[in-house]
């Protein structure tokens, strides 16, 4: 394989590495999203503090195996297919903004479909301790969970929450990639507001641009993310419409933004780590397998 074409699975590896760092925040976000309450609910710090107090620091990594599987399906497909789709749509030319958005959306949709079973397991494994003992799934690990999901629930179980999950994946890929490129280009060509600092293409620029992109992506994706989490954590026959109407009636429209803070705190560093790891993996691949 030419060094100009590193393998498509590097995106999944980079995503897994980033997830291992930010998993406690992902766990906190999912627990906040699945908690049903007609008031503001617990804060991010309270959920983190209670998790450590009741089940120890190690419990912050509950469901990590499912998180890694999710990255090796969802992120692998969305990142691995993006460049190919972009090249196909633009016919090898410099892609327009519209073509970038379409490419990101298609790649995100494919990633959402591929990662749906792992996403179900991630939601269930991280939120199990919040449920009464008789309602818990008690998956030992992601492999045990996947086997039981197929055996006990079949295809309907594997596709639970597929629509909001795929919608969220499309929104995430388009908002994250497009806004990141916009902020990165803007900061490279303009000085920082109220300063005379001109950023170069370095880690500082990547951190600022990805943090801004994370704000945009988190806000746009939050409603689909909350509905997805609630559908996947349930085992009944409630539809997306039923869950949406019941939650709106009981909690009001702001329930759609539950878990926003940990989602943002997770997404900003996750975005930075993802692309830093990916670039380093590509560099290592080029050095190990130079062009022949």
C-alpha atoms as a PDB file:
ATOM      1  CA  UNK A   1       0.000   0.000   0.000  1.00  0.00           C
ATOM      2  CA  UNK A   2       1.273   3.449  -0.886  1.00  0.00           C
ATOM      3  CA  UNK A   3       2.049   5.818   1.939  1.00  0.00           C
ATOM      4  CA  UNK A   4      -0.155   8.347   0.141  1.00  0.00           C
ATOM      5  CA  UNK A   5      -3.145   6.172   1.022  1.00  0.00           C
ATOM      6  CA  UNK A   6      -3.046   5.155   4.699  1.00  0.00           C
ATOM      7  CA  UNK A   7      -5.648   2.533   5.643  1.00  0.00           C
ATOM      8  CA  UNK A   8      -9.219   3.671   6.259  1.00  0.00           C
ATOM      9  CA  UNK A   9      -9.296   2.033   9.705  1.00  0.00           C
ATOM     10  CA  UNK A  10      -6.850   4.548  11.187  1.00  0.00           C
ATOM     11  CA  UNK A  11      -9.812   6.802  11.945  1.00  0.00           C
ATOM     12  CA  UNK A  12     -11.320   4.097  14.135  1.00  0.00           C
ATOM     13  CA  UNK A  13      -8.051   3.598  16.001  1.00  0.00           C
ATOM     14  CA  UNK A  14      -7.644   7.348  16.558  1.00  0.00           C
ATOM     15  CA  UNK A  15     -11.260   7.578  17.741  1.00  0.00           C
ATOM     16  CA  UNK A  16     -10.719   4.705  20.166  1.00  0.00           C
ATOM     17  CA  UNK A  17      -7.626   6.359  21.615  1.00  0.00           C
ATOM     18  CA  UNK A  18      -9.518   9.617  22.116  1.00  0.00           C
ATOM     19  CA  UNK A  19     -12.503   7.792  23.650  1.00  0.00           C
ATOM     20  CA  UNK A  20     -10.270   6.143  26.238  1.00  0.00           C
ATOM     21  CA  UNK A  21      -9.386   9.623  27.528  1.00  0.00           C
ATOM     22  CA  UNK A  22     -12.859  11.195  27.423  1.00  0.00           C
ATOM     23  CA  UNK A  23     -15.019   8.169  28.375  1.00  0.00           C
ATOM     24  CA  UNK A  24     -15.864   9.412  31.923  1.00  0.00           C
ATOM     25  CA  UNK A  25     -17.459  12.510  30.397  1.00  0.00           C
ATOM     26  CA  UNK A  26     -19.340  10.399  27.856  1.00  0.00           C
ATOM     27  CA  UNK A  27     -20.668   8.235  30.688  1.00  0.00           C
ATOM     28  CA  UNK A  28     -21.752  11.348  32.607  1.00  0.00           C
ATOM     29  CA  UNK A  29     -23.473  12.817  29.542  1.00  0.00           C
ATOM     30  CA  UNK A  30     -25.433   9.613  28.869  1.00  0.00           C
ATOM     31  CA  UNK A  31     -26.533   9.321  32.491  1.00  0.00           C
ATOM     32  CA  UNK A  32     -27.748  12.919  32.519  1.00  0.00           C
ATOM     33  CA  UNK A  33     -29.617  12.437  29.237  1.00  0.00           C
ATOM     34  CA  UNK A  34     -31.455   9.314  30.376  1.00  0.00           C
ATOM     35  CA  UNK A  35     -32.479  10.717  33.778  1.00  0.00           C
ATOM     36  CA  UNK A  36     -36.136  11.725  33.661  1.00  0.00           C
ATOM     37  CA  UNK A  37     -36.888  14.762  35.790  1.00  0.00           C
ATOM     38  CA  UNK A  38     -39.312  17.682  35.626  1.00  0.00           C
ATOM     39  CA  UNK A  39     -36.726  20.037  37.089  1.00  0.00           C
ATOM     40  CA  UNK A  40     -33.185  21.016  36.167  1.00  0.00           C
ATOM     41  CA  UNK A  41     -31.811  17.677  37.304  1.00  0.00           C
ATOM     42  CA  UNK A  42     -28.343  16.997  38.733  1.00  0.00           C
ATOM     43  CA  UNK A  43     -25.346  18.942  37.478  1.00  0.00           C
ATOM     44  CA  UNK A  44     -22.390  17.460  35.656  1.00  0.00           C
ATOM     45  CA  UNK A  45     -20.176  17.686  38.751  1.00  0.00           C
ATOM     46  CA  UNK A  46     -22.838  16.067  40.941  1.00  0.00           C
ATOM     47  CA  UNK A  47     -23.211  13.099  38.578  1.00  0.00           C
ATOM     48  CA  UNK A  48     -19.432  12.677  38.454  1.00  0.00           C
ATOM     49  CA  UNK A  49     -19.120  13.040  42.227  1.00  0.00           C
ATOM     50  CA  UNK A  50     -21.940  10.592  42.961  1.00  0.00           C
ATOM     51  CA  UNK A  51     -20.512   8.055  40.527  1.00  0.00           C
ATOM     52  CA  UNK A  52     -17.144   8.095  42.277  1.00  0.00           C
ATOM     53  CA  UNK A  53     -18.678   8.191  45.777  1.00  0.00           C
ATOM     54  CA  UNK A  54     -21.012   5.216  45.271  1.00  0.00           C
ATOM     55  CA  UNK A  55     -19.054   2.961  42.914  1.00  0.00           C
ATOM     56  CA  UNK A  56     -15.453   4.223  42.902  1.00  0.00           C
ATOM     57  CA  UNK A  57     -13.166   5.881  40.372  1.00  0.00           C
ATOM     58  CA  UNK A  58     -12.947   2.700  38.302  1.00  0.00           C
ATOM     59  CA  UNK A  59     -16.680   2.917  37.576  1.00  0.00           C
ATOM     60  CA  UNK A  60     -16.081   6.054  35.486  1.00  0.00           C
ATOM     61  CA  UNK A  61     -14.880   3.630  32.811  1.00  0.00           C
ATOM     62  CA  UNK A  62     -17.978   1.432  32.909  1.00  0.00           C
ATOM     63  CA  UNK A  63     -18.840   0.526  29.329  1.00  0.00           C
ATOM     64  CA  UNK A  64     -15.415   1.375  27.901  1.00  0.00           C
ATOM     65  CA  UNK A  65     -15.395  -1.787  25.770  1.00  0.00           C
ATOM     66  CA  UNK A  66     -18.647  -0.643  24.142  1.00  0.00           C
ATOM     67  CA  UNK A  67     -17.150   2.810  23.574  1.00  0.00           C
ATOM     68  CA  UNK A  68     -14.162   1.286  21.771  1.00  0.00           C
ATOM     69  CA  UNK A  69     -16.447  -0.898  19.627  1.00  0.00           C
ATOM     70  CA  UNK A  70     -18.487   2.193  18.778  1.00  0.00           C
ATOM     71  CA  UNK A  71     -15.361   4.024  17.619  1.00  0.00           C
ATOM     72  CA  UNK A  72     -14.238   1.011  15.567  1.00  0.00           C
ATOM     73  CA  UNK A  73     -17.577   1.050  13.749  1.00  0.00           C
ATOM     74  CA  UNK A  74     -19.055   4.565  13.812  1.00  0.00           C
ATOM     75  CA  UNK A  75     -15.858   6.636  13.653  1.00  0.00           C
ATOM     76  CA  UNK A  76     -14.065   4.148  11.421  1.00  0.00           C
ATOM     77  CA  UNK A  77     -16.825   4.361   8.797  1.00  0.00           C
ATOM     78  CA  UNK A  78     -17.553   8.102   9.055  1.00  0.00           C
ATOM     79  CA  UNK A  79     -13.884   9.097   8.847  1.00  0.00           C
ATOM     80  CA  UNK A  80     -12.810   6.310   6.538  1.00  0.00           C
ATOM     81  CA  UNK A  81     -15.523   6.950   3.948  1.00  0.00           C
ATOM     82  CA  UNK A  82     -15.433  10.754   4.052  1.00  0.00           C
ATOM     83  CA  UNK A  83     -12.400  11.264   1.830  1.00  0.00           C
ATOM     84  CA  UNK A  84     -13.606   8.724  -0.720  1.00  0.00           C
ATOM     85  CA  UNK A  85     -17.105  10.231  -0.899  1.00  0.00           C
ATOM     86  CA  UNK A  86     -15.659  13.751  -1.143  1.00  0.00           C
ATOM     87  CA  UNK A  87     -13.372  12.750  -3.999  1.00  0.00           C
ATOM     88  CA  UNK A  88     -16.233  10.979  -5.790  1.00  0.00           C
ATOM     89  CA  UNK A  89     -18.676  13.890  -5.463  1.00  0.00           C
ATOM     90  CA  UNK A  90     -16.125  16.539  -6.469  1.00  0.00           C
ATOM     91  CA  UNK A  91     -14.779  14.291  -9.254  1.00  0.00           C
ATOM     92  CA  UNK A  92     -11.222  14.778  -8.026  1.00  0.00           C
ATOM     93  CA  UNK A  93     -11.445  18.585  -8.089  1.00  0.00           C
ATOM     94  CA  UNK A  94     -11.342  21.013  -5.184  1.00  0.00           C
ATOM     95  CA  UNK A  95     -14.675  20.462  -3.402  1.00  0.00           C
ATOM     96  CA  UNK A  96     -17.090  23.319  -2.786  1.00  0.00           C
ATOM     97  CA  UNK A  97     -18.628  24.024   0.622  1.00  0.00           C
ATOM     98  CA  UNK A  98     -21.846  22.337  -0.487  1.00  0.00           C
ATOM     99  CA  UNK A  99     -19.960  19.244  -1.638  1.00  0.00           C
ATOM    100  CA  UNK A 100     -18.102  19.104   1.678  1.00  0.00           C
ATOM    101  CA  UNK A 101     -21.400  19.229   3.590  1.00  0.00           C
ATOM    102  CA  UNK A 102     -22.970  16.528   1.427  1.00  0.00           C
ATOM    103  CA  UNK A 103     -19.891  14.314   1.752  1.00  0.00           C
ATOM    104  CA  UNK A 104     -19.786  14.773   5.524  1.00  0.00           C
ATOM    105  CA  UNK A 105     -23.513  14.080   5.818  1.00  0.00           C
ATOM    106  CA  UNK A 106     -23.372  10.880   3.757  1.00  0.00           C
ATOM    107  CA  UNK A 107     -20.307   9.630   5.640  1.00  0.00           C
ATOM    108  CA  UNK A 108     -21.944  10.482   8.960  1.00  0.00           C
ATOM    109  CA  UNK A 109     -25.115   8.615   8.011  1.00  0.00           C
ATOM    110  CA  UNK A 110     -23.155   5.513   7.069  1.00  0.00           C
ATOM    111  CA  UNK A 111     -21.230   5.740  10.336  1.00  0.00           C
ATOM    112  CA  UNK A 112     -24.428   6.091  12.347  1.00  0.00           C
ATOM    113  CA  UNK A 113     -25.893   2.940  10.782  1.00  0.00           C
ATOM    114  CA  UNK A 114     -22.679   0.951  11.253  1.00  0.00           C
ATOM    115  CA  UNK A 115     -22.266   2.026  14.873  1.00  0.00           C
ATOM    116  CA  UNK A 116     -25.885   1.671  16.017  1.00  0.00           C
ATOM    117  CA  UNK A 117     -25.555  -1.714  17.820  1.00  0.00           C
ATOM    118  CA  UNK A 118     -22.434  -0.548  19.670  1.00  0.00           C
ATOM    119  CA  UNK A 119     -24.197   2.692  20.585  1.00  0.00           C
ATOM    120  CA  UNK A 120     -27.085   0.727  22.126  1.00  0.00           C
ATOM    121  CA  UNK A 121     -24.649  -1.300  24.208  1.00  0.00           C
ATOM    122  CA  UNK A 122     -22.761   1.840  25.265  1.00  0.00           C
ATOM    123  CA  UNK A 123     -25.933   3.555  26.457  1.00  0.00           C
ATOM    124  CA  UNK A 124     -27.148   0.464  28.326  1.00  0.00           C
ATOM    125  CA  UNK A 125     -23.827  -0.379  29.951  1.00  0.00           C
ATOM    126  CA  UNK A 126     -23.210   3.183  31.187  1.00  0.00           C
ATOM    127  CA  UNK A 127     -26.765   3.749  32.487  1.00  0.00           C
ATOM    128  CA  UNK A 128     -27.421   0.288  33.996  1.00  0.00           C
ATOM    129  CA  UNK A 129     -26.485   1.341  37.564  1.00  0.00           C
ATOM    130  CA  UNK A 130     -29.211   4.008  37.478  1.00  0.00           C
ATOM    131  CA  UNK A 131     -31.953   1.409  37.031  1.00  0.00           C
ATOM    132  CA  UNK A 132     -33.597  -0.829  39.634  1.00  0.00           C
ATOM    133  CA  UNK A 133     -31.933  -4.280  39.842  1.00  0.00           C
ATOM    134  CA  UNK A 134     -34.775  -6.063  38.056  1.00  0.00           C
ATOM    135  CA  UNK A 135     -34.529  -3.708  35.046  1.00  0.00           C
ATOM    136  CA  UNK A 136     -30.773  -3.912  34.535  1.00  0.00           C
ATOM    137  CA  UNK A 137     -29.214  -5.615  31.522  1.00  0.00           C
ATOM    138  CA  UNK A 138     -26.096  -6.711  33.409  1.00  0.00           C
ATOM    139  CA  UNK A 139     -23.874  -7.111  30.351  1.00  0.00           C
ATOM    140  CA  UNK A 140     -20.469  -8.477  31.363  1.00  0.00           C
ATOM    141  CA  UNK A 141     -18.693  -6.781  28.453  1.00  0.00           C
ATOM    142  CA  UNK A 142     -19.475  -5.584  24.936  1.00  0.00           C
ATOM    143  CA  UNK A 143     -19.161  -9.072  23.382  1.00  0.00           C
ATOM    144  CA  UNK A 144     -21.538 -10.547  25.947  1.00  0.00           C
ATOM    145  CA  UNK A 145     -23.878  -7.627  25.363  1.00  0.00           C
ATOM    146  CA  UNK A 146     -23.814  -8.006  21.577  1.00  0.00           C
ATOM    147  CA  UNK A 147     -24.529 -11.739  21.719  1.00  0.00           C
ATOM    148  CA  UNK A 148     -27.411 -11.211  24.144  1.00  0.00           C
ATOM    149  CA  UNK A 149     -28.788  -8.284  22.145  1.00  0.00           C
ATOM    150  CA  UNK A 150     -28.964 -10.436  19.014  1.00  0.00           C
ATOM    151  CA  UNK A 151     -30.326 -13.481  20.845  1.00  0.00           C
ATOM    152  CA  UNK A 152     -32.892 -11.694  23.024  1.00  0.00           C
ATOM    153  CA  UNK A 153     -34.090  -8.855  20.794  1.00  0.00           C
ATOM    154  CA  UNK A 154     -33.049  -9.740  17.247  1.00  0.00           C
ATOM    155  CA  UNK A 155     -33.117  -7.174  14.433  1.00  0.00           C
ATOM    156  CA  UNK A 156     -35.533  -4.808  16.226  1.00  0.00           C
ATOM    157  CA  UNK A 157     -33.047  -4.629  19.107  1.00  0.00           C
ATOM    158  CA  UNK A 158     -30.091  -3.938  16.824  1.00  0.00           C
ATOM    159  CA  UNK A 159     -31.951  -1.108  15.094  1.00  0.00           C
ATOM    160  CA  UNK A 160     -33.440   0.492  18.221  1.00  0.00           C
ATOM    161  CA  UNK A 161     -33.026   4.267  18.005  1.00  0.00           C
ATOM    162  CA  UNK A 162     -31.581   4.015  14.486  1.00  0.00           C
ATOM    163  CA  UNK A 163     -33.397   7.073  13.140  1.00  0.00           C
ATOM    164  CA  UNK A 164     -32.330   9.564  15.841  1.00  0.00           C
ATOM    165  CA  UNK A 165     -28.864   7.997  15.960  1.00  0.00           C
ATOM    166  CA  UNK A 166     -28.354   8.328  12.199  1.00  0.00           C
ATOM    167  CA  UNK A 167     -29.811  11.840  12.279  1.00  0.00           C
ATOM    168  CA  UNK A 168     -27.393  12.750  15.044  1.00  0.00           C
ATOM    169  CA  UNK A 169     -24.481  11.217  13.115  1.00  0.00           C
ATOM    170  CA  UNK A 170     -25.344  13.262  10.012  1.00  0.00           C
ATOM    171  CA  UNK A 171     -25.695  16.439  12.083  1.00  0.00           C
ATOM    172  CA  UNK A 172     -22.466  15.725  13.951  1.00  0.00           C
ATOM    173  CA  UNK A 173     -20.364  15.082  10.879  1.00  0.00           C
ATOM    174  CA  UNK A 174     -21.650  18.098   8.960  1.00  0.00           C
ATOM    175  CA  UNK A 175     -21.610  20.582  11.845  1.00  0.00           C
ATOM    176  CA  UNK A 176     -18.309  19.376  13.291  1.00  0.00           C
ATOM    177  CA  UNK A 177     -16.307  19.137  10.077  1.00  0.00           C
ATOM    178  CA  UNK A 178     -17.778  22.193   8.348  1.00  0.00           C
ATOM    179  CA  UNK A 179     -17.535  24.507  11.361  1.00  0.00           C
ATOM    180  CA  UNK A 180     -14.036  23.241  12.215  1.00  0.00           C
ATOM    181  CA  UNK A 181     -12.824  24.007   8.693  1.00  0.00           C
ATOM    182  CA  UNK A 182     -14.500  27.434   8.799  1.00  0.00           C
ATOM    183  CA  UNK A 183     -13.026  28.432  12.170  1.00  0.00           C
ATOM    184  CA  UNK A 184      -9.607  27.061  11.245  1.00  0.00           C
ATOM    185  CA  UNK A 185      -9.535  29.014   7.964  1.00  0.00           C
ATOM    186  CA  UNK A 186     -10.825  32.176   9.649  1.00  0.00           C
ATOM    187  CA  UNK A 187      -8.245  32.044  12.437  1.00  0.00           C
ATOM    188  CA  UNK A 188      -5.442  31.438   9.939  1.00  0.00           C
ATOM    189  CA  UNK A 189      -6.393  34.556   7.969  1.00  0.00           C
ATOM    190  CA  UNK A 190      -7.469  36.895  10.805  1.00  0.00           C
ATOM    191  CA  UNK A 191      -5.939  38.025  14.071  1.00  0.00           C
ATOM    192  CA  UNK A 192      -7.610  36.958  17.285  1.00  0.00           C
ATOM    193  CA  UNK A 193     -10.337  39.442  18.301  1.00  0.00           C
ATOM    194  CA  UNK A 194      -9.075  42.292  20.529  1.00  0.00           C
ATOM    195  CA  UNK A 195      -5.479  41.099  20.136  1.00  0.00           C
ATOM    196  CA  UNK A 196      -2.674  41.318  17.620  1.00  0.00           C
ATOM    197  CA  UNK A 197      -2.024  37.582  17.766  1.00  0.00           C
ATOM    198  CA  UNK A 198      -1.923  35.747  14.445  1.00  0.00           C
ATOM    199  CA  UNK A 199      -2.164  31.983  14.880  1.00  0.00           C
ATOM    200  CA  UNK A 200      -0.163  29.497  12.851  1.00  0.00           C
ATOM    201  CA  UNK A 201      -1.344  26.036  11.869  1.00  0.00           C
ATOM    202  CA  UNK A 202      -0.387  24.405  15.145  1.00  0.00           C
ATOM    203  CA  UNK A 203      -1.843  22.767  18.250  1.00  0.00           C
ATOM    204  CA  UNK A 204      -3.100  26.091  19.653  1.00  0.00           C
ATOM    205  CA  UNK A 205      -5.073  26.765  16.485  1.00  0.00           C
ATOM    206  CA  UNK A 206      -6.462  23.226  16.441  1.00  0.00           C
ATOM    207  CA  UNK A 207      -7.527  23.526  20.082  1.00  0.00           C
ATOM    208  CA  UNK A 208      -9.358  26.843  19.598  1.00  0.00           C
ATOM    209  CA  UNK A 209     -10.989  25.840  16.302  1.00  0.00           C
ATOM    210  CA  UNK A 210     -12.110  22.458  17.598  1.00  0.00           C
ATOM    211  CA  UNK A 211     -13.492  23.996  20.810  1.00  0.00           C
ATOM    212  CA  UNK A 212     -15.579  26.440  18.766  1.00  0.00           C
ATOM    213  CA  UNK A 213     -16.644  23.638  16.442  1.00  0.00           C
ATOM    214  CA  UNK A 214     -17.514  21.552  19.476  1.00  0.00           C
ATOM    215  CA  UNK A 215     -19.876  24.273  20.696  1.00  0.00           C
ATOM    216  CA  UNK A 216     -21.689  24.331  17.365  1.00  0.00           C
ATOM    217  CA  UNK A 217     -21.818  20.547  17.004  1.00  0.00           C
ATOM    218  CA  UNK A 218     -22.914  19.906  20.606  1.00  0.00           C
ATOM    219  CA  UNK A 219     -25.797  22.388  20.369  1.00  0.00           C
ATOM    220  CA  UNK A 220     -27.034  21.136  16.998  1.00  0.00           C
ATOM    221  CA  UNK A 221     -26.778  17.467  17.942  1.00  0.00           C
ATOM    222  CA  UNK A 222     -28.139  17.647  21.486  1.00  0.00           C
ATOM    223  CA  UNK A 223     -31.871  17.049  20.753  1.00  0.00           C
ATOM    224  CA  UNK A 224     -31.206  13.975  18.586  1.00  0.00           C
ATOM    225  CA  UNK A 225     -28.604  12.769  21.084  1.00  0.00           C
ATOM    226  CA  UNK A 226     -31.021  12.924  24.045  1.00  0.00           C
ATOM    227  CA  UNK A 227     -33.844  11.155  22.182  1.00  0.00           C
ATOM    228  CA  UNK A 228     -31.410   8.530  20.910  1.00  0.00           C
ATOM    229  CA  UNK A 229     -30.107   7.866  24.421  1.00  0.00           C
ATOM    230  CA  UNK A 230     -33.617   7.479  25.858  1.00  0.00           C
ATOM    231  CA  UNK A 231     -34.732   5.128  23.098  1.00  0.00           C
ATOM    232  CA  UNK A 232     -31.642   2.962  23.399  1.00  0.00           C
ATOM    233  CA  UNK A 233     -31.798   2.753  27.186  1.00  0.00           C
ATOM    234  CA  UNK A 234     -35.372   1.462  27.074  1.00  0.00           C
ATOM    235  CA  UNK A 235     -36.472  -2.073  26.257  1.00  0.00           C
ATOM    236  CA  UNK A 236     -40.183  -1.457  25.730  1.00  0.00           C
ATOM    237  CA  UNK A 237     -42.055  -0.754  22.505  1.00  0.00           C
ATOM    238  CA  UNK A 238     -42.221   3.026  22.911  1.00  0.00           C
ATOM    239  CA  UNK A 239     -41.659   4.843  19.638  1.00  0.00           C
ATOM    240  CA  UNK A 240     -39.537   7.929  19.111  1.00  0.00           C
ATOM    241  CA  UNK A 241     -42.735   9.996  18.912  1.00  0.00           C
ATOM    242  CA  UNK A 242     -44.049   8.602  22.198  1.00  0.00           C
ATOM    243  CA  UNK A 243     -40.777   9.273  24.003  1.00  0.00           C
ATOM    244  CA  UNK A 244     -40.587  12.793  22.560  1.00  0.00           C
ATOM    245  CA  UNK A 245     -44.155  13.755  23.476  1.00  0.00           C
ATOM    246  CA  UNK A 246     -43.976  12.239  26.969  1.00  0.00           C
ATOM    247  CA  UNK A 247     -40.662  13.949  27.731  1.00  0.00           C
ATOM    248  CA  UNK A 248     -41.939  17.289  26.419  1.00  0.00           C
ATOM    249  CA  UNK A 249     -45.096  16.971  28.527  1.00  0.00           C
ATOM    250  CA  UNK A 250     -43.285  15.947  31.721  1.00  0.00           C
ATOM    251  CA  UNK A 251     -40.080  17.997  31.477  1.00  0.00           C
ATOM    252  CA  UNK A 252     -40.580  20.770  28.944  1.00  0.00           C
ATOM    253  CA  UNK A 253     -38.503  21.535  25.829  1.00  0.00           C
ATOM    254  CA  UNK A 254     -35.248  22.048  27.733  1.00  0.00           C
ATOM    255  CA  UNK A 255     -34.999  18.273  28.245  1.00  0.00           C
ATOM    256  CA  UNK A 256     -33.602  18.228  24.698  1.00  0.00           C
ATOM    257  CA  UNK A 257     -30.435  19.866  26.011  1.00  0.00           C
ATOM    258  CA  UNK A 258     -29.850  17.667  29.057  1.00  0.00           C
ATOM    259  CA  UNK A 259     -26.227  16.630  29.271  1.00  0.00           C
ATOM    260  CA  UNK A 260     -25.102  19.567  27.100  1.00  0.00           C
ATOM    261  CA  UNK A 261     -22.255  20.551  29.429  1.00  0.00           C
ATOM    262  CA  UNK A 262     -20.531  17.145  29.653  1.00  0.00           C
ATOM    263  CA  UNK A 263     -21.241  16.616  25.946  1.00  0.00           C
ATOM    264  CA  UNK A 264     -19.385  19.855  25.167  1.00  0.00           C
ATOM    265  CA  UNK A 265     -16.594  19.225  27.668  1.00  0.00           C
ATOM    266  CA  UNK A 266     -16.147  15.786  26.114  1.00  0.00           C
ATOM    267  CA  UNK A 267     -16.477  16.822  22.462  1.00  0.00           C
ATOM    268  CA  UNK A 268     -13.966  19.683  22.512  1.00  0.00           C
ATOM    269  CA  UNK A 269     -10.968  17.665  23.771  1.00  0.00           C
ATOM    270  CA  UNK A 270     -12.210  14.582  21.924  1.00  0.00           C
ATOM    271  CA  UNK A 271     -12.089  16.483  18.635  1.00  0.00           C
ATOM    272  CA  UNK A 272      -8.570  17.729  19.332  1.00  0.00           C
ATOM    273  CA  UNK A 273      -7.336  14.306  20.445  1.00  0.00           C
ATOM    274  CA  UNK A 274      -9.027  12.564  17.531  1.00  0.00           C
ATOM    275  CA  UNK A 275      -7.278  14.641  14.878  1.00  0.00           C
ATOM    276  CA  UNK A 276      -3.945  14.811  16.709  1.00  0.00           C
ATOM    277  CA  UNK A 277      -3.906  11.019  17.094  1.00  0.00           C
ATOM    278  CA  UNK A 278      -5.044  10.544  13.494  1.00  0.00           C
ATOM    279  CA  UNK A 279      -2.291  12.770  12.113  1.00  0.00           C
ATOM    280  CA  UNK A 280       0.332  11.003  14.225  1.00  0.00           C
ATOM    281  CA  UNK A 281      -0.924   7.581  13.113  1.00  0.00           C
ATOM    282  CA  UNK A 282      -0.780   8.679   9.477  1.00  0.00           C
ATOM    283  CA  UNK A 283       2.752   9.971   9.983  1.00  0.00           C
ATOM    284  CA  UNK A 284       3.799   6.694  11.611  1.00  0.00           C
ATOM    285  CA  UNK A 285       2.220   4.760   8.731  1.00  0.00           C
ATOM    286  CA  UNK A 286       4.104   6.835   6.158  1.00  0.00           C
ATOM    287  CA  UNK A 287       7.389   6.211   7.986  1.00  0.00           C
ATOM    288  CA  UNK A 288       6.738   2.464   8.373  1.00  0.00           C
ATOM    289  CA  UNK A 289       5.436   1.936   4.843  1.00  0.00           C
ATOM    290  CA  UNK A 290       7.103   4.514   2.571  1.00  0.00           C
ATOM    291  CA  UNK A 291       6.054   4.877  -1.055  1.00  0.00           C
ATOM    292  CA  UNK A 292       7.344   2.037  -3.109  1.00  0.00           C
END
